[in-house]
């Protein structure tokens, strides 16, 4: 069995991204109960950015998975 160095790197990056996104979500939850309109607006923008970052992270995982698994319509190289 051979390992794919690219998939290892992608897994490490995904773990790192997940930690950062988790920390960002925790901070956002802390400031979410503020009554200051400017803080609330900033939190809304931060939330939208966080959602987008999470979607990009998922897309990266899907693309990485697709790149290392053979497609169903492609013949295997045997």
N, C-alpha and C. Protein backbone atom coordinates (compact mmCIF):
# COMPACT_ATOMS: atom_id res chain seq x y z
N UNK A 1 0.84 -1.18 0.00
CA UNK A 1 0.00 0.00 0.00
C UNK A 1 0.88 1.24 0.00
N UNK A 2 0.61 2.18 -0.88
CA UNK A 2 1.38 3.41 -0.93
C UNK A 2 0.54 4.55 -0.37
N UNK A 3 1.22 5.53 0.20
CA UNK A 3 0.50 6.68 0.71
C UNK A 3 0.67 7.84 -0.25
N UNK A 4 -0.30 8.65 -0.31
CA UNK A 4 -0.27 9.81 -1.19
C UNK A 4 0.10 11.01 -0.35
N UNK A 5 1.28 11.60 -0.62
CA UNK A 5 1.78 12.71 0.17
C UNK A 5 0.82 13.90 0.11
N UNK A 6 0.20 14.13 -1.03
CA UNK A 6 -0.74 15.23 -1.18
C UNK A 6 -1.95 15.07 -0.28
N UNK A 7 -2.44 13.84 -0.14
CA UNK A 7 -3.60 13.63 0.72
C UNK A 7 -3.24 13.83 2.18
N UNK A 8 -2.00 13.49 2.56
CA UNK A 8 -1.55 13.72 3.93
C UNK A 8 -1.48 15.21 4.22
N UNK A 9 -0.95 15.96 3.27
CA UNK A 9 -0.86 17.41 3.44
C UNK A 9 -2.25 18.01 3.54
N UNK A 10 -3.18 17.56 2.69
CA UNK A 10 -4.54 18.09 2.71
C UNK A 10 -5.22 17.76 4.04
N UNK A 11 -4.99 16.56 4.57
CA UNK A 11 -5.59 16.19 5.85
C UNK A 11 -5.06 17.09 6.96
N UNK A 12 -3.76 17.37 6.94
CA UNK A 12 -3.17 18.25 7.95
C UNK A 12 -3.75 19.65 7.85
N UNK A 13 -3.91 20.15 6.62
CA UNK A 13 -4.49 21.48 6.42
C UNK A 13 -5.94 21.51 6.87
N UNK A 14 -6.68 20.44 6.61
CA UNK A 14 -8.08 20.38 7.02
C UNK A 14 -8.20 20.40 8.53
N UNK A 15 -7.31 19.68 9.22
CA UNK A 15 -7.33 19.68 10.68
C UNK A 15 -7.03 21.07 11.22
N UNK A 16 -6.03 21.74 10.63
CA UNK A 16 -5.67 23.09 11.04
C UNK A 16 -6.82 24.06 10.80
N UNK A 17 -7.44 23.97 9.63
CA UNK A 17 -8.58 24.84 9.31
C UNK A 17 -9.72 24.60 10.27
N UNK A 18 -9.96 23.34 10.60
CA UNK A 18 -11.05 22.99 11.51
C UNK A 18 -10.82 23.61 12.88
N UNK A 19 -9.58 23.59 13.36
CA UNK A 19 -9.28 24.19 14.66
C UNK A 19 -9.52 25.69 14.63
N UNK A 20 -9.08 26.34 13.56
CA UNK A 20 -9.25 27.79 13.46
C UNK A 20 -10.73 28.16 13.34
N UNK A 21 -11.47 27.40 12.54
CA UNK A 21 -12.90 27.68 12.39
C UNK A 21 -13.63 27.45 13.71
N UNK A 22 -13.24 26.44 14.45
CA UNK A 22 -13.85 26.18 15.75
C UNK A 22 -13.59 27.32 16.73
N UNK A 23 -12.36 27.82 16.73
CA UNK A 23 -12.01 28.94 17.61
C UNK A 23 -12.78 30.19 17.20
N UNK A 24 -12.90 30.42 15.91
CA UNK A 24 -13.64 31.59 15.43
C UNK A 24 -15.11 31.49 15.81
N UNK A 25 -15.68 30.29 15.70
CA UNK A 25 -17.08 30.11 16.06
C UNK A 25 -17.28 30.35 17.56
N UNK A 26 -16.35 29.90 18.39
CA UNK A 26 -16.46 30.11 19.84
C UNK A 26 -16.41 31.60 20.18
N UNK A 27 -15.49 32.33 19.54
CA UNK A 27 -15.41 33.77 19.77
C UNK A 27 -16.68 34.47 19.32
N UNK A 28 -17.21 34.05 18.19
CA UNK A 28 -18.43 34.66 17.67
C UNK A 28 -19.60 34.41 18.62
N UNK A 29 -19.67 33.22 19.18
CA UNK A 29 -20.73 32.90 20.15
C UNK A 29 -20.62 33.78 21.40
N UNK A 30 -19.37 34.09 21.82
CA UNK A 30 -19.17 34.92 23.00
C UNK A 30 -19.69 36.34 22.79
N UNK A 31 -19.47 36.91 21.60
CA UNK A 31 -19.89 38.29 21.38
C UNK A 31 -21.30 38.39 20.82
N UNK A 32 -21.91 37.27 20.54
CA UNK A 32 -23.24 37.26 19.94
C UNK A 32 -24.33 37.81 20.84
N UNK A 33 -24.10 37.88 22.13
CA UNK A 33 -25.14 38.35 23.04
C UNK A 33 -25.03 39.85 23.34
N UNK A 34 -24.20 40.55 22.62
CA UNK A 34 -24.02 41.99 22.84
C UNK A 34 -25.25 42.77 22.38
N UNK A 35 -25.48 43.91 23.04
CA UNK A 35 -26.60 44.75 22.63
C UNK A 35 -26.14 45.95 21.80
N UNK A 36 -24.84 46.12 21.64
CA UNK A 36 -24.29 47.21 20.84
C UNK A 36 -24.54 46.94 19.36
N UNK A 37 -25.23 47.84 18.65
CA UNK A 37 -25.55 47.60 17.23
C UNK A 37 -24.31 47.40 16.35
N UNK A 38 -23.24 48.11 16.64
CA UNK A 38 -22.03 47.96 15.83
C UNK A 38 -21.40 46.58 16.05
N UNK A 39 -21.41 46.12 17.28
CA UNK A 39 -20.88 44.79 17.58
C UNK A 39 -21.75 43.73 16.91
N UNK A 40 -23.06 43.93 16.95
CA UNK A 40 -23.98 42.97 16.33
C UNK A 40 -23.77 42.93 14.81
N UNK A 41 -23.57 44.09 14.19
CA UNK A 41 -23.33 44.13 12.74
C UNK A 41 -22.02 43.46 12.40
N UNK A 42 -21.00 43.72 13.19
CA UNK A 42 -19.70 43.09 12.97
C UNK A 42 -19.79 41.58 13.15
N UNK A 43 -20.56 41.15 14.14
CA UNK A 43 -20.74 39.71 14.37
C UNK A 43 -21.47 39.07 13.20
N UNK A 44 -22.44 39.78 12.61
CA UNK A 44 -23.17 39.24 11.46
C UNK A 44 -22.23 39.06 10.26
N UNK A 45 -21.38 40.04 10.03
CA UNK A 45 -20.40 39.93 8.94
C UNK A 45 -19.42 38.80 9.22
N UNK A 46 -18.97 38.71 10.46
CA UNK A 46 -18.04 37.63 10.83
C UNK A 46 -18.70 36.27 10.65
N UNK A 47 -19.98 36.17 11.00
CA UNK A 47 -20.70 34.91 10.84
C UNK A 47 -20.79 34.53 9.36
N UNK A 48 -21.11 35.49 8.51
CA UNK A 48 -21.19 35.21 7.07
C UNK A 48 -19.84 34.75 6.53
N UNK A 49 -18.77 35.40 6.99
CA UNK A 49 -17.43 35.01 6.56
C UNK A 49 -17.09 33.61 7.05
N UNK A 50 -17.48 33.30 8.27
CA UNK A 50 -17.22 31.99 8.84
C UNK A 50 -17.96 30.90 8.06
N UNK A 51 -19.21 31.15 7.73
CA UNK A 51 -19.99 30.18 6.95
C UNK A 51 -19.31 29.93 5.60
N UNK A 52 -18.87 31.00 4.95
CA UNK A 52 -18.19 30.86 3.67
C UNK A 52 -16.89 30.07 3.83
N UNK A 53 -16.13 30.34 4.88
CA UNK A 53 -14.89 29.61 5.12
C UNK A 53 -15.15 28.12 5.34
N UNK A 54 -16.23 27.80 6.06
CA UNK A 54 -16.57 26.40 6.28
C UNK A 54 -16.96 25.71 4.97
N UNK A 55 -17.68 26.43 4.12
CA UNK A 55 -18.06 25.86 2.82
C UNK A 55 -16.83 25.63 1.94
N UNK A 56 -15.90 26.55 1.97
CA UNK A 56 -14.66 26.40 1.20
C UNK A 56 -13.87 25.20 1.72
N UNK A 57 -13.83 25.03 3.04
CA UNK A 57 -13.12 23.90 3.62
C UNK A 57 -13.73 22.58 3.17
N UNK A 58 -15.05 22.51 3.15
CA UNK A 58 -15.72 21.29 2.69
C UNK A 58 -15.43 21.04 1.22
N UNK A 59 -15.47 22.10 0.41
CA UNK A 59 -15.18 21.95 -1.02
C UNK A 59 -13.76 21.44 -1.24
N UNK A 60 -12.82 21.92 -0.44
CA UNK A 60 -11.43 21.45 -0.57
C UNK A 60 -11.32 19.97 -0.27
N UNK A 61 -12.04 19.52 0.76
CA UNK A 61 -12.01 18.10 1.12
C UNK A 61 -12.62 17.27 0.00
N UNK A 62 -13.73 17.73 -0.56
CA UNK A 62 -14.38 17.01 -1.65
C UNK A 62 -13.46 16.93 -2.86
N UNK A 63 -12.83 18.06 -3.21
CA UNK A 63 -11.92 18.06 -4.36
C UNK A 63 -10.72 17.15 -4.12
N UNK A 64 -10.19 17.15 -2.90
CA UNK A 64 -9.05 16.29 -2.58
C UNK A 64 -9.46 14.82 -2.67
N UNK A 65 -10.64 14.50 -2.16
CA UNK A 65 -11.13 13.13 -2.23
C UNK A 65 -11.34 12.70 -3.67
N UNK A 66 -11.91 13.57 -4.47
CA UNK A 66 -12.13 13.26 -5.88
C UNK A 66 -10.82 13.06 -6.63
N UNK A 67 -9.78 13.78 -6.22
CA UNK A 67 -8.51 13.67 -6.95
C UNK A 67 -7.76 12.39 -6.63
N UNK A 68 -8.04 11.77 -5.47
CA UNK A 68 -7.31 10.55 -5.13
C UNK A 68 -8.13 9.28 -5.33
N UNK A 69 -9.42 9.41 -5.59
CA UNK A 69 -10.24 8.23 -5.86
C UNK A 69 -10.59 8.21 -7.35
N UNK A 70 -10.46 7.05 -7.96
CA UNK A 70 -10.77 6.98 -9.39
C UNK A 70 -12.26 7.20 -9.65
N UNK A 71 -12.55 7.90 -10.72
CA UNK A 71 -13.94 8.15 -11.09
C UNK A 71 -14.58 6.86 -11.59
N UNK A 72 -15.89 6.72 -11.40
CA UNK A 72 -16.60 5.51 -11.78
C UNK A 72 -16.57 5.28 -13.29
N UNK A 73 -16.52 6.37 -14.06
CA UNK A 73 -16.56 6.22 -15.51
C UNK A 73 -15.18 6.03 -16.14
N UNK A 74 -14.11 6.14 -15.35
CA UNK A 74 -12.77 5.96 -15.90
C UNK A 74 -12.33 4.51 -15.70
N UNK A 75 -11.77 3.89 -16.75
CA UNK A 75 -11.26 2.52 -16.58
C UNK A 75 -10.03 2.53 -15.70
N UNK A 76 -9.89 1.49 -14.88
CA UNK A 76 -8.72 1.41 -14.02
C UNK A 76 -7.50 1.03 -14.84
N UNK A 77 -6.34 1.48 -14.40
CA UNK A 77 -5.07 1.18 -15.10
C UNK A 77 -4.51 -0.12 -14.54
N UNK A 78 -4.82 -1.21 -15.17
CA UNK A 78 -4.34 -2.52 -14.69
C UNK A 78 -3.39 -3.13 -15.65
